[in-house]
């Protein structure tokens, strides 16, 4: 019983951390894409 509760805690912690990381990544992606749209010259020079 105790092991089960510990496992559940670990799994939930891991799950929430992943959600936080994913949301942060998507947020930064949105910011980056916005910047690229505002500066098309940079995109062309990168390619």
Protein backbone atom coordinates (compact mmCIF):
# COMPACT_ATOMS: atom_id res chain seq x y z
CA UNK A 1 0.00 0.00 0.00
CA UNK A 2 2.74 2.48 0.94
CA UNK A 3 4.73 1.66 -2.21
CA UNK A 4 1.63 2.25 -4.33
CA UNK A 5 1.05 5.72 -2.90
CA UNK A 6 4.71 6.63 -3.42
CA UNK A 7 4.53 5.45 -7.03
CA UNK A 8 1.40 7.52 -7.61
CA UNK A 9 3.12 10.59 -6.15
CA UNK A 10 6.16 10.09 -8.39
CA UNK A 11 3.98 9.57 -11.46
CA UNK A 12 1.88 12.67 -10.78
CA UNK A 13 4.99 14.77 -10.13
CA UNK A 14 6.54 13.55 -13.38
CA UNK A 15 3.31 14.17 -15.26
CA UNK A 16 2.95 17.75 -13.99
CA UNK A 17 6.59 18.52 -14.73
CA UNK A 18 6.12 17.27 -18.28
CA UNK A 19 3.02 19.41 -18.72
CA UNK A 20 4.89 22.47 -17.45
CA UNK A 21 7.82 21.83 -19.79
CA UNK A 22 5.52 21.23 -22.75
CA UNK A 23 3.53 24.38 -22.11
CA UNK A 24 6.74 26.40 -21.77
CA UNK A 25 8.05 24.95 -25.03
CA UNK A 26 4.86 25.71 -26.92
CA UNK A 27 4.83 29.22 -25.46
CA UNK A 28 8.41 29.92 -26.58
CA UNK A 29 7.59 28.41 -29.98
CA UNK A 30 4.69 30.82 -30.38
CA UNK A 31 6.96 33.73 -29.42
CA UNK A 32 9.60 32.60 -31.91
CA UNK A 33 7.13 32.22 -34.73
CA UNK A 34 5.73 35.68 -33.98
CA UNK A 35 9.24 37.14 -34.18
CA UNK A 36 9.90 35.36 -37.47
CA UNK A 37 6.69 36.74 -38.96
CA UNK A 38 7.71 40.22 -37.90
CA UNK A 39 11.19 39.83 -39.42
CA UNK A 40 10.99 37.96 -42.76
CA UNK A 41 14.50 39.11 -43.75
CA UNK A 42 16.06 37.05 -40.97
CA UNK A 43 14.19 33.94 -42.06
CA UNK A 44 15.47 34.31 -45.62
CA UNK A 45 19.06 34.84 -44.48
CA UNK A 46 18.90 31.75 -42.24
CA UNK A 47 17.89 29.56 -45.18
